[in-house]
PDB file of N, CA and C in Angstrom:
ATOM      1  N   UNK A   1       1.536  -9.513  -2.755  1.00  0.00           N
ATOM      2  CA  UNK A   1       1.019  -8.789  -2.500  1.00  0.00           C
ATOM      3  C   UNK A   1      -0.191  -9.083  -3.521  1.00  0.00           C
ATOM      4  N   UNK A   2      -1.395  -8.874  -3.864  1.00  0.00           N
ATOM      5  CA  UNK A   2      -2.593  -8.951  -3.922  1.00  0.00           C
ATOM      6  C   UNK A   2      -3.340  -8.826  -5.725  1.00  0.00           C
ATOM      7  N   UNK A   3      -3.382  -9.221  -6.862  1.00  0.00           N
ATOM      8  CA  UNK A   3      -4.237  -8.849  -7.727  1.00  0.00           C
ATOM      9  C   UNK A   3      -5.391  -8.594  -8.052  1.00  0.00           C
ATOM     10  N   UNK A   4      -5.990  -7.822  -7.784  1.00  0.00           N
ATOM     11  CA  UNK A   4      -7.698  -8.064  -6.962  1.00  0.00           C
ATOM     12  C   UNK A   4      -8.931  -7.102  -9.133  1.00  0.00           C
ATOM     13  N   UNK A   5      -7.730  -7.575  -9.742  1.00  0.00           N
ATOM     14  CA  UNK A   5      -8.073  -7.054 -11.026  1.00  0.00           C
ATOM     15  C   UNK A   5      -8.381  -5.735 -11.395  1.00  0.00           C
ATOM     16  N   UNK A   6      -7.570  -4.887 -10.655  1.00  0.00           N
ATOM     17  CA  UNK A   6      -8.807  -3.288 -11.353  1.00  0.00           C
ATOM     18  C   UNK A   6      -8.087  -2.931 -11.035  1.00  0.00           C
ATOM     19  N   UNK A   7      -8.017  -1.875 -11.908  1.00  0.00           N
ATOM     20  CA  UNK A   7      -6.028  -1.330 -12.498  1.00  0.00           C
ATOM     21  C   UNK A   7      -5.890   0.329 -11.788  1.00  0.00           C
ATOM     22  N   UNK A   8      -6.901   0.863 -10.385  1.00  0.00           N
ATOM     23  CA  UNK A   8      -6.128   0.935  -9.635  1.00  0.00           C
ATOM     24  C   UNK A   8      -5.764   0.542  -8.121  1.00  0.00           C
ATOM     25  N   UNK A   9      -5.928  -0.559  -7.929  1.00  0.00           N
ATOM     26  CA  UNK A   9      -6.217  -1.088  -6.436  1.00  0.00           C
ATOM     27  C   UNK A   9      -5.254  -1.814  -6.564  1.00  0.00           C
ATOM     28  N   UNK A  10      -4.263  -2.457  -5.621  1.00  0.00           N
ATOM     29  CA  UNK A  10      -3.170  -3.192  -5.248  1.00  0.00           C
ATOM     30  C   UNK A  10      -3.795  -3.388  -3.412  1.00  0.00           C
ATOM     31  N   UNK A  11      -3.513  -5.019  -2.974  1.00  0.00           N
ATOM     32  CA  UNK A  11      -3.482  -5.005  -1.874  1.00  0.00           C
ATOM     33  C   UNK A  11      -2.132  -5.529  -1.429  1.00  0.00           C
ATOM     34  N   UNK A  12      -1.167  -5.205  -0.678  1.00  0.00           N
ATOM     35  CA  UNK A  12       0.116  -5.099   0.070  1.00  0.00           C
ATOM     36  C   UNK A  12       0.024  -6.431   1.340  1.00  0.00           C
ATOM     37  N   UNK A  13       0.567  -7.727   1.392  1.00  0.00           N
ATOM     38  CA  UNK A  13       0.912  -8.127   2.530  1.00  0.00           C
ATOM     39  C   UNK A  13       2.124  -7.994   2.862  1.00  0.00           C
ATOM     40  N   UNK A  14       2.280  -7.298   4.117  1.00  0.00           N
ATOM     41  CA  UNK A  14       3.938  -6.998   4.363  1.00  0.00           C
ATOM     42  C   UNK A  14       4.485  -7.961   5.798  1.00  0.00           C
ATOM     43  N   UNK A  15       3.493  -8.310   6.089  1.00  0.00           N
ATOM     44  CA  UNK A  15       3.781 -10.160   7.433  1.00  0.00           C
ATOM     45  C   UNK A  15       2.981 -11.324   6.875  1.00  0.00           C
ATOM     46  N   UNK A  16       4.221 -12.342   6.852  1.00  0.00           N
ATOM     47  CA  UNK A  16       2.731 -13.656   6.575  1.00  0.00           C
ATOM     48  C   UNK A  16       2.294 -14.586   7.664  1.00  0.00           C
ATOM     49  N   UNK A  17       1.438 -13.279   7.470  1.00  0.00           N
ATOM     50  CA  UNK A  17      -0.276 -13.747   8.751  1.00  0.00           C
ATOM     51  C   UNK A  17      -1.122 -13.036   7.681  1.00  0.00           C
ATOM     52  N   UNK A  18      -1.312 -12.309   6.270  1.00  0.00           N
ATOM     53  CA  UNK A  18      -2.518 -12.336   5.732  1.00  0.00           C
ATOM     54  C   UNK A  18      -3.461 -11.158   6.175  1.00  0.00           C
ATOM     55  N   UNK A  19      -2.163 -10.700   6.388  1.00  0.00           N
ATOM     56  CA  UNK A  19      -2.991  -8.878   6.714  1.00  0.00           C
ATOM     57  C   UNK A  19      -2.532  -8.132   5.987  1.00  0.00           C
ATOM     58  N   UNK A  20      -3.981  -7.937   4.709  1.00  0.00           N
ATOM     59  CA  UNK A  20      -3.423  -7.366   3.463  1.00  0.00           C
ATOM     60  C   UNK A  20      -3.849  -6.015   4.129  1.00  0.00           C
ATOM     61  N   UNK A  21      -3.132  -4.656   3.748  1.00  0.00           N
ATOM     62  CA  UNK A  21      -3.674  -3.972   3.606  1.00  0.00           C
ATOM     63  C   UNK A  21      -3.252  -2.996   2.091  1.00  0.00           C
ATOM     64  N   UNK A  22      -4.994  -2.275   1.416  1.00  0.00           N
ATOM     65  CA  UNK A  22      -5.057  -1.390   0.592  1.00  0.00           C
ATOM     66  C   UNK A  22      -4.499  -0.715  -0.131  1.00  0.00           C
ATOM     67  N   UNK A  23      -4.302  -0.201  -1.254  1.00  0.00           N
ATOM     68  CA  UNK A  23      -4.081   0.743  -1.605  1.00  0.00           C
ATOM     69  C   UNK A  23      -4.442   1.191  -3.005  1.00  0.00           C
ATOM     70  N   UNK A  24      -5.241   1.938  -2.792  1.00  0.00           N
ATOM     71  CA  UNK A  24      -5.681   2.639  -4.338  1.00  0.00           C
ATOM     72  C   UNK A  24      -5.233   3.486  -4.712  1.00  0.00           C
ATOM     73  N   UNK A  25      -4.831   4.296  -5.893  1.00  0.00           N
ATOM     74  CA  UNK A  25      -3.746   4.883  -6.736  1.00  0.00           C
ATOM     75  C   UNK A  25      -4.522   6.134  -7.216  1.00  0.00           C
ATOM     76  N   UNK A  26      -5.221   7.084  -6.975  1.00  0.00           N
ATOM     77  CA  UNK A  26      -5.592   8.135  -8.062  1.00  0.00           C
ATOM     78  C   UNK A  26      -5.441   9.103  -9.050  1.00  0.00           C
ATOM     79  N   UNK A  27      -3.893   7.798  -9.745  1.00  0.00           N
ATOM     80  CA  UNK A  27      -3.347   8.974 -11.205  1.00  0.00           C
ATOM     81  C   UNK A  27      -3.764   8.473 -11.963  1.00  0.00           C
ATOM     82  N   UNK A  28      -4.405   8.303 -12.889  1.00  0.00           N
ATOM     83  CA  UNK A  28      -4.308   7.778 -14.713  1.00  0.00           C
ATOM     84  C   UNK A  28      -3.324   7.204 -14.877  1.00  0.00           C
ATOM     85  N   UNK A  29      -4.044   5.532 -14.929  1.00  0.00           N
ATOM     86  CA  UNK A  29      -2.102   4.281 -15.113  1.00  0.00           C
ATOM     87  C   UNK A  29      -1.994   5.381 -16.264  1.00  0.00           C
ATOM     88  N   UNK A  30      -1.727   5.510 -17.208  1.00  0.00           N
ATOM     89  CA  UNK A  30      -0.743   5.788 -18.491  1.00  0.00           C
ATOM     90  C   UNK A  30       0.489   7.061 -18.141  1.00  0.00           C
ATOM     91  N   UNK A  31      -0.494   7.913 -17.198  1.00  0.00           N
ATOM     92  CA  UNK A  31      -0.056   9.323 -16.545  1.00  0.00           C
ATOM     93  C   UNK A  31       0.812   8.853 -16.028  1.00  0.00           C
ATOM     94  N   UNK A  32       1.188   7.695 -15.839  1.00  0.00           N
ATOM     95  CA  UNK A  32       2.585   7.317 -14.440  1.00  0.00           C
ATOM     96  C   UNK A  32       3.770   7.402 -15.612  1.00  0.00           C
ATOM     97  N   UNK A  33       3.603   6.136 -16.906  1.00  0.00           N
ATOM     98  CA  UNK A  33       4.618   6.105 -17.932  1.00  0.00           C
ATOM     99  C   UNK A  33       4.615   6.777 -18.823  1.00  0.00           C
ATOM    100  N   UNK A  34       3.983   8.173 -18.905  1.00  0.00           N
ATOM    101  CA  UNK A  34       3.988   9.174 -19.478  1.00  0.00           C
ATOM    102  C   UNK A  34       5.231  10.759 -18.923  1.00  0.00           C
ATOM    103  N   UNK A  35       4.784  10.935 -17.270  1.00  0.00           N
ATOM    104  CA  UNK A  35       5.898  11.315 -16.550  1.00  0.00           C
ATOM    105  C   UNK A  35       7.190  11.048 -16.505  1.00  0.00           C
ATOM    106  N   UNK A  36       7.278   9.104 -16.070  1.00  0.00           N
ATOM    107  CA  UNK A  36       8.808   8.481 -16.210  1.00  0.00           C
ATOM    108  C   UNK A  36       9.388   9.019 -18.204  1.00  0.00           C
ATOM    109  N   UNK A  37       8.939   8.728 -18.759  1.00  0.00           N
ATOM    110  CA  UNK A  37       8.612   9.215 -20.162  1.00  0.00           C
ATOM    111  C   UNK A  37       9.391  10.670 -20.511  1.00  0.00           C
ATOM    112  N   UNK A  38       8.222  11.274 -19.735  1.00  0.00           N
ATOM    113  CA  UNK A  38       9.125  12.822 -19.951  1.00  0.00           C
ATOM    114  C   UNK A  38      10.384  13.293 -19.005  1.00  0.00           C
ATOM    115  N   UNK A  39      10.675  11.842 -17.590  1.00  0.00           N
ATOM    116  CA  UNK A  39      11.932  12.351 -17.215  1.00  0.00           C
ATOM    117  C   UNK A  39      13.452  12.271 -17.498  1.00  0.00           C
ATOM    118  N   UNK A  40      12.881  10.785 -18.943  1.00  0.00           N
ATOM    119  CA  UNK A  40      14.245  10.695 -19.487  1.00  0.00           C
ATOM    120  C   UNK A  40      14.204  11.986 -20.272  1.00  0.00           C
ATOM    121  N   UNK A  41      13.341  11.784 -20.776  1.00  0.00           N
ATOM    122  CA  UNK A  41      13.677  12.611 -22.615  1.00  0.00           C
ATOM    123  C   UNK A  41      14.616  13.951 -21.460  1.00  0.00           C
ATOM    124  N   UNK A  42      14.166  14.875 -20.972  1.00  0.00           N
ATOM    125  CA  UNK A  42      14.481  15.837 -20.270  1.00  0.00           C
ATOM    126  C   UNK A  42      16.234  15.063 -19.831  1.00  0.00           C
ATOM    127  N   UNK A  43      16.376  14.282 -18.741  1.00  0.00           N
ATOM    128  CA  UNK A  43      17.408  14.159 -18.861  1.00  0.00           C
ATOM    129  C   UNK A  43      18.466  13.357 -19.741  1.00  0.00           C
ATOM    130  N   UNK A  44      17.932  13.570 -20.784  1.00  0.00           N
ATOM    131  CA  UNK A  44      19.047  13.378 -22.442  1.00  0.00           C
ATOM    132  C   UNK A  44      18.940  14.592 -22.656  1.00  0.00           C
ATOM    133  N   UNK A  45      18.383  15.200 -23.340  1.00  0.00           N
ATOM    134  CA  UNK A  45      18.340  16.808 -23.168  1.00  0.00           C
ATOM    135  C   UNK A  45      18.940  18.088 -22.819  1.00  0.00           C
ATOM    136  N   UNK A  46      19.398  17.588 -21.318  1.00  0.00           N
ATOM    137  CA  UNK A  46      20.277  18.195 -20.388  1.00  0.00           C
ATOM    138  C   UNK A  46      19.065  18.597 -19.732  1.00  0.00           C
ATOM    139  N   UNK A  47      18.147  19.017 -19.340  1.00  0.00           N
ATOM    140  CA  UNK A  47      17.539  19.921 -18.271  1.00  0.00           C
ATOM    141  C   UNK A  47      17.161  19.000 -17.257  1.00  0.00           C
ATOM    142  N   UNK A  48      17.689  17.985 -16.840  1.00  0.00           N
ATOM    143  CA  UNK A  48      17.127  18.118 -15.565  1.00  0.00           C
ATOM    144  C   UNK A  48      18.286  17.138 -14.931  1.00  0.00           C
ATOM    145  N   UNK A  49      19.149  17.125 -13.930  1.00  0.00           N
ATOM    146  CA  UNK A  49      19.981  16.501 -13.299  1.00  0.00           C
ATOM    147  C   UNK A  49      19.641  15.575 -12.239  1.00  0.00           C
ATOM    148  N   UNK A  50      18.426  15.045 -12.028  1.00  0.00           N
ATOM    149  CA  UNK A  50      18.295  13.954 -10.660  1.00  0.00           C
ATOM    150  C   UNK A  50      17.427  13.141 -11.554  1.00  0.00           C
ATOM    151  N   UNK A  51      16.992  12.347 -10.616  1.00  0.00           N
ATOM    152  CA  UNK A  51      15.831  11.547 -11.648  1.00  0.00           C
ATOM    153  C   UNK A  51      15.061  10.488  -9.999  1.00  0.00           C
ATOM    154  N   UNK A  52      14.228  10.198 -10.278  1.00  0.00           N
ATOM    155  CA  UNK A  52      13.335   9.300  -9.107  1.00  0.00           C
ATOM    156  C   UNK A  52      13.619   7.768  -8.656  1.00  0.00           C
ATOM    157  N   UNK A  53      13.759   7.501  -9.759  1.00  0.00           N
ATOM    158  CA  UNK A  53      14.601   6.021  -9.653  1.00  0.00           C
ATOM    159  C   UNK A  53      15.718   4.908 -10.171  1.00  0.00           C
ATOM    160  N   UNK A  54      15.878   4.903  -9.994  1.00  0.00           N
ATOM    161  CA  UNK A  54      16.761   4.432 -10.987  1.00  0.00           C
ATOM    162  C   UNK A  54      17.049   3.131 -11.279  1.00  0.00           C
ATOM    163  N   UNK A  55      18.158   2.801 -11.471  1.00  0.00           N
ATOM    164  CA  UNK A  55      18.004   1.929 -12.354  1.00  0.00           C
ATOM    165  C   UNK A  55      17.875  -0.017 -11.201  1.00  0.00           C
ATOM    166  N   UNK A  56      18.361   0.356 -10.539  1.00  0.00           N
ATOM    167  CA  UNK A  56      18.331  -0.717  -8.980  1.00  0.00           C
ATOM    168  C   UNK A  56      16.633  -0.476  -8.934  1.00  0.00           C
ATOM    169  N   UNK A  57      16.354   0.442  -8.726  1.00  0.00           N
ATOM    170  CA  UNK A  57      14.880   0.537  -8.800  1.00  0.00           C
ATOM    171  C   UNK A  57      14.199  -0.564  -9.771  1.00  0.00           C
ATOM    172  N   UNK A  58      14.539   0.052 -11.026  1.00  0.00           N
ATOM    173  CA  UNK A  58      13.387  -0.938 -12.468  1.00  0.00           C
ATOM    174  C   UNK A  58      13.476  -2.677 -12.181  1.00  0.00           C
ATOM    175  N   UNK A  59      14.995  -3.034 -11.816  1.00  0.00           N
ATOM    176  CA  UNK A  59      14.687  -4.029 -11.879  1.00  0.00           C
ATOM    177  C   UNK A  59      14.050  -4.450  -9.660  1.00  0.00           C
ATOM    178  N   UNK A  60      14.076  -4.090  -9.454  1.00  0.00           N
ATOM    179  CA  UNK A  60      13.441  -4.445  -8.236  1.00  0.00           C
ATOM    180  C   UNK A  60      11.493  -4.719  -9.349  1.00  0.00           C
ATOM    181  N   UNK A  61      11.533  -3.617  -8.967  1.00  0.00           N
ATOM    182  CA  UNK A  61       9.620  -3.518  -9.606  1.00  0.00           C
ATOM    183  C   UNK A  61       9.984  -5.001 -10.587  1.00  0.00           C
ATOM    184  N   UNK A  62      10.468  -5.074 -11.508  1.00  0.00           N
ATOM    185  CA  UNK A  62      10.548  -7.036 -12.630  1.00  0.00           C
ATOM    186  C   UNK A  62      10.542  -7.772 -11.446  1.00  0.00           C
ATOM    187  N   UNK A  63      11.438  -8.250 -11.000  1.00  0.00           N
ATOM    188  CA  UNK A  63      11.784  -8.776  -9.796  1.00  0.00           C
ATOM    189  C   UNK A  63       9.972  -9.391  -9.342  1.00  0.00           C
ATOM    190  N   UNK A  64       9.068  -7.985  -8.559  1.00  0.00           N
ATOM    191  CA  UNK A  64       8.507  -7.574  -8.226  1.00  0.00           C
ATOM    192  C   UNK A  64       6.813  -8.208  -8.976  1.00  0.00           C
ATOM    193  N   UNK A  65       6.329  -7.627  -9.964  1.00  0.00           N
ATOM    194  CA  UNK A  65       5.914  -7.870 -11.082  1.00  0.00           C
ATOM    195  C   UNK A  65       6.137  -9.472 -11.372  1.00  0.00           C
ATOM    196  N   UNK A  66       7.261 -10.126 -11.784  1.00  0.00           N
ATOM    197  CA  UNK A  66       7.697 -11.513 -11.965  1.00  0.00           C
ATOM    198  C   UNK A  66       6.937 -12.859 -10.861  1.00  0.00           C
ATOM    199  N   UNK A  67       7.547 -12.122  -9.349  1.00  0.00           N
ATOM    200  CA  UNK A  67       6.859 -12.754  -7.635  1.00  0.00           C
ATOM    201  C   UNK A  67       5.466 -12.616  -8.563  1.00  0.00           C
ATOM    202  N   UNK A  68       5.038 -11.299  -8.801  1.00  0.00           N
ATOM    203  CA  UNK A  68       2.454 -11.465  -8.966  1.00  0.00           C
ATOM    204  C   UNK A  68       2.726 -12.555 -10.214  1.00  0.00           C
ATOM    205  N   UNK A  69       3.407 -12.321 -10.896  1.00  0.00           N
ATOM    206  CA  UNK A  69       2.604 -13.790 -12.019  1.00  0.00           C
ATOM    207  C   UNK A  69       2.555 -14.968 -11.923  1.00  0.00           C
ATOM    208  N   UNK A  70       3.872 -15.491 -10.886  1.00  0.00           N
ATOM    209  CA  UNK A  70       3.760 -16.749 -10.638  1.00  0.00           C
ATOM    210  C   UNK A  70       2.856 -17.197  -9.633  1.00  0.00           C
ATOM    211  N   UNK A  71       2.881 -15.613  -8.646  1.00  0.00           N
ATOM    212  CA  UNK A  71       1.886 -16.183  -7.963  1.00  0.00           C
ATOM    213  C   UNK A  71       0.458 -16.253  -8.098  1.00  0.00           C
ATOM    214  N   UNK A  72      -0.135 -15.250  -9.245  1.00  0.00           N
ATOM    215  CA  UNK A  72      -1.133 -15.616  -9.695  1.00  0.00           C
ATOM    216  C   UNK A  72      -1.542 -17.279 -10.659  1.00  0.00           C
ATOM    217  N   UNK A  73      -0.373 -16.998 -11.661  1.00  0.00           N
ATOM    218  CA  UNK A  73      -0.111 -18.816 -12.105  1.00  0.00           C
ATOM    219  C   UNK A  73      -0.697 -20.037 -11.248  1.00  0.00           C
ATOM    220  N   UNK A  74       0.508 -19.366 -10.370  1.00  0.00           N
ATOM    221  CA  UNK A  74       0.525 -21.116  -9.188  1.00  0.00           C
ATOM    222  C   UNK A  74      -0.941 -20.968  -7.953  1.00  0.00           C
ATOM    223  N   UNK A  75      -1.425 -19.939  -7.745  1.00  0.00           N
ATOM    224  CA  UNK A  75      -2.972 -20.014  -7.036  1.00  0.00           C
ATOM    225  C   UNK A  75      -2.220 -20.282  -5.344  1.00  0.00           C
ATOM    226  N   UNK A  76      -0.267 -20.331  -5.035  1.00  0.00           N
ATOM    227  CA  UNK A  76       0.046 -20.112  -3.688  1.00  0.00           C
ATOM    228  C   UNK A  76       1.388 -18.245  -3.871  1.00  0.00           C
ATOM    229  N   UNK A  77       1.375 -18.806  -2.613  1.00  0.00           N
ATOM    230  CA  UNK A  77       2.308 -17.831  -1.627  1.00  0.00           C
ATOM    231  C   UNK A  77       3.633 -17.714  -2.127  1.00  0.00           C
ATOM    232  N   UNK A  78       4.056 -16.611  -2.905  1.00  0.00           N
ATOM    233  CA  UNK A  78       5.402 -15.969  -3.546  1.00  0.00           C
ATOM    234  C   UNK A  78       5.857 -15.363  -2.497  1.00  0.00           C
ATOM    235  N   UNK A  79       7.022 -15.856  -1.568  1.00  0.00           N
ATOM    236  CA  UNK A  79       8.000 -14.830  -0.979  1.00  0.00           C
ATOM    237  C   UNK A  79       8.574 -14.039  -1.920  1.00  0.00           C
ATOM    238  N   UNK A  80       9.133 -12.528  -1.817  1.00  0.00           N
ATOM    239  CA  UNK A  80       9.441 -11.536  -2.133  1.00  0.00           C
ATOM    240  C   UNK A  80      10.677 -11.150  -1.231  1.00  0.00           C
ATOM    241  N   UNK A  81      11.987 -11.344  -1.682  1.00  0.00           N
ATOM    242  CA  UNK A  81      13.643 -10.908  -0.389  1.00  0.00           C
ATOM    243  C   UNK A  81      13.712  -9.320  -1.445  1.00  0.00           C
TER     244      UNK A  81
END
């Protein structure tokens, strides 16, 4: 993953050959957080029984973010498994 210092663009490398795919998000960043918060509150209030992500998904996101931070700090590639 490569940080472009743009709030709505990320580059992802899926191979070790520096072949980057650019992903552009068209949703307002805060809307993502608000959507998850709404879903959580609906589940607490019993109005929703299914969820869009699991606790394991959240842990994976944190691991990816840690790898991105380490790559940015060190200037080196960090392999995420």
